[in-house]
Amino acid sequence: MAVYDVVYFAWVRERIGLPREQVESTATHVTDLVRELTAREPRYAAAFADPSAIRVALDQDLSHFDATLDGVREVAFFPPMTGG
């Protein structure tokens, strides 16, 4: 089991109601962690209802949902960024 510092930004944070939390998890990939989070409470399920609308960064590096969590300390979820 590992402990991750999970950070939420923008509307993801608004739906979950927390800017960050420490999560104890048996997940080996980001998709596993998302599955664990969505099973917690309806607010997590609402935030992750459309995974294509969310991006993920692992230790502040943009990543993807099938990435491994091996050695990762921080997982951040946020909506896609746009220029302008």
C-alpha atoms as a PDB file:
ATOM      1  CA  MET A   1       0.000   0.000   0.000  1.00  0.00           C
ATOM      2  CA  ALA A   2       1.206   3.507  -0.849  1.00  0.00           C
ATOM      3  CA  VAL A   3       0.228   7.010   0.227  1.00  0.00           C
ATOM      4  CA  TYR A   4      -0.235   9.658  -2.471  1.00  0.00           C
ATOM      5  CA  ASP A   5      -0.650  13.396  -2.123  1.00  0.00           C
ATOM      6  CA  VAL A   6      -3.636  13.920  -4.444  1.00  0.00           C
ATOM      7  CA  VAL A   7      -4.259  17.465  -5.660  1.00  0.00           C
ATOM      8  CA  TYR A   8      -7.423  18.715  -7.382  1.00  0.00           C
ATOM      9  CA  PHE A   9      -7.687  21.880  -9.493  1.00  0.00           C
ATOM     10  CA  ALA A  10     -10.488  24.042 -10.922  1.00  0.00           C
ATOM     11  CA  TRP A  11     -13.893  22.336 -11.287  1.00  0.00           C
ATOM     12  CA  VAL A  12     -12.448  18.987 -10.171  1.00  0.00           C
ATOM     13  CA  ARG A  13     -11.644  20.606  -6.817  1.00  0.00           C
ATOM     14  CA  GLU A  14     -15.091  22.230  -6.705  1.00  0.00           C
ATOM     15  CA  ARG A  15     -16.904  18.917  -7.257  1.00  0.00           C
ATOM     16  CA  ILE A  16     -14.820  17.022  -4.714  1.00  0.00           C
ATOM     17  CA  GLY A  17     -14.756  19.883  -2.227  1.00  0.00           C
ATOM     18  CA  LEU A  18     -11.059  19.581  -1.358  1.00  0.00           C
ATOM     19  CA  PRO A  19      -7.930  21.162  -2.819  1.00  0.00           C
ATOM     20  CA  ARG A  20      -5.770  18.193  -1.776  1.00  0.00           C
ATOM     21  CA  GLU A  21      -5.702  15.105   0.389  1.00  0.00           C
ATOM     22  CA  GLN A  22      -3.482  12.195   1.262  1.00  0.00           C
ATOM     23  CA  VAL A  23      -4.834   8.947  -0.125  1.00  0.00           C
ATOM     24  CA  GLU A  24      -3.755   5.501   1.000  1.00  0.00           C
ATOM     25  CA  SER A  25      -4.138   3.197  -1.977  1.00  0.00           C
ATOM     26  CA  THR A  26      -3.318  -0.195  -3.426  1.00  0.00           C
ATOM     27  CA  ALA A  27      -3.502   1.270  -6.959  1.00  0.00           C
ATOM     28  CA  THR A  28      -0.698   0.472  -9.378  1.00  0.00           C
ATOM     29  CA  HIS A  29      -1.881   2.771 -12.196  1.00  0.00           C
ATOM     30  CA  VAL A  30      -3.724   6.091 -12.349  1.00  0.00           C
ATOM     31  CA  THR A  31      -6.868   4.315 -13.618  1.00  0.00           C
ATOM     32  CA  ASP A  32      -6.835   2.124 -10.497  1.00  0.00           C
ATOM     33  CA  LEU A  33      -6.563   5.184  -8.259  1.00  0.00           C
ATOM     34  CA  VAL A  34      -9.468   6.872 -10.069  1.00  0.00           C
ATOM     35  CA  ARG A  35     -11.527   3.694  -9.651  1.00  0.00           C
ATOM     36  CA  GLU A  36     -10.802   3.687  -5.902  1.00  0.00           C
ATOM     37  CA  LEU A  37     -11.667   7.380  -5.583  1.00  0.00           C
ATOM     38  CA  THR A  38     -14.948   7.105  -7.503  1.00  0.00           C
ATOM     39  CA  ALA A  39     -16.027   4.228  -5.254  1.00  0.00           C
ATOM     40  CA  ARG A  40     -15.589   6.419  -2.146  1.00  0.00           C
ATOM     41  CA  GLU A  41     -18.491   8.860  -2.449  1.00  0.00           C
ATOM     42  CA  PRO A  42     -20.831  10.357  -5.064  1.00  0.00           C
ATOM     43  CA  ARG A  43     -18.820  13.607  -5.183  1.00  0.00           C
ATOM     44  CA  TYR A  44     -15.772  11.707  -6.482  1.00  0.00           C
ATOM     45  CA  ALA A  45     -17.928   9.806  -8.955  1.00  0.00           C
ATOM     46  CA  ALA A  46     -19.286  13.142 -10.219  1.00  0.00           C
ATOM     47  CA  ALA A  47     -15.806  14.624 -10.577  1.00  0.00           C
ATOM     48  CA  PHE A  48     -14.485  11.629 -12.534  1.00  0.00           C
ATOM     49  CA  ALA A  49     -17.674  10.869 -14.487  1.00  0.00           C
ATOM     50  CA  ASP A  50     -15.987  11.831 -17.771  1.00  0.00           C
ATOM     51  CA  PRO A  51     -12.288  10.936 -17.561  1.00  0.00           C
ATOM     52  CA  SER A  52     -11.708  12.368 -21.045  1.00  0.00           C
ATOM     53  CA  ALA A  53     -12.393  15.818 -19.526  1.00  0.00           C
ATOM     54  CA  ILE A  54      -9.620  15.452 -16.944  1.00  0.00           C
ATOM     55  CA  ARG A  55      -5.849  15.553 -17.234  1.00  0.00           C
ATOM     56  CA  VAL A  56      -3.368  14.063 -14.793  1.00  0.00           C
ATOM     57  CA  ALA A  57       0.136  15.009 -13.698  1.00  0.00           C
ATOM     58  CA  LEU A  58       2.427  12.708 -11.740  1.00  0.00           C
ATOM     59  CA  ASP A  59       5.000  14.506  -9.614  1.00  0.00           C
ATOM     60  CA  GLN A  60       4.217  17.659 -11.647  1.00  0.00           C
ATOM     61  CA  ASP A  61       4.824  16.015 -15.042  1.00  0.00           C
ATOM     62  CA  LEU A  62       1.888  15.703 -17.444  1.00  0.00           C
ATOM     63  CA  SER A  63       1.012  12.041 -17.777  1.00  0.00           C
ATOM     64  CA  HIS A  64      -1.818   9.715 -18.814  1.00  0.00           C
ATOM     65  CA  PHE A  65      -4.367   7.551 -17.034  1.00  0.00           C
ATOM     66  CA  ASP A  66      -2.671   4.245 -17.865  1.00  0.00           C
ATOM     67  CA  ALA A  67       0.623   5.407 -16.312  1.00  0.00           C
ATOM     68  CA  THR A  68       2.114   3.472 -13.425  1.00  0.00           C
ATOM     69  CA  LEU A  69       2.202   4.976  -9.947  1.00  0.00           C
ATOM     70  CA  ASP A  70       5.497   3.285  -9.088  1.00  0.00           C
ATOM     71  CA  GLY A  71       7.609   5.797  -7.148  1.00  0.00           C
ATOM     72  CA  VAL A  72       5.034   8.600  -7.521  1.00  0.00           C
ATOM     73  CA  ARG A  73       4.379  10.901  -4.566  1.00  0.00           C
ATOM     74  CA  GLU A  74       1.927  13.445  -6.012  1.00  0.00           C
ATOM     75  CA  VAL A  75      -1.009  12.907  -8.354  1.00  0.00           C
ATOM     76  CA  ALA A  76      -2.794  16.012  -9.659  1.00  0.00           C
ATOM     77  CA  PHE A  77      -6.110  16.085 -11.517  1.00  0.00           C
ATOM     78  CA  PHE A  78      -7.247  19.107 -13.526  1.00  0.00           C
ATOM     79  CA  PRO A  79      -9.305  20.068 -16.580  1.00  0.00           C
ATOM     80  CA  PRO A  80      -7.572  20.537 -19.953  1.00  0.00           C
ATOM     81  CA  MET A  81      -5.719  23.808 -20.260  1.00  0.00           C
ATOM     82  CA  THR A  82      -6.399  26.219 -23.083  1.00  0.00           C
ATOM     83  CA  GLY A  83      -4.245  29.002 -24.429  1.00  0.00           C
ATOM     84  CA  GLY A  84      -5.305  32.529 -24.905  1.00  0.00           C
END
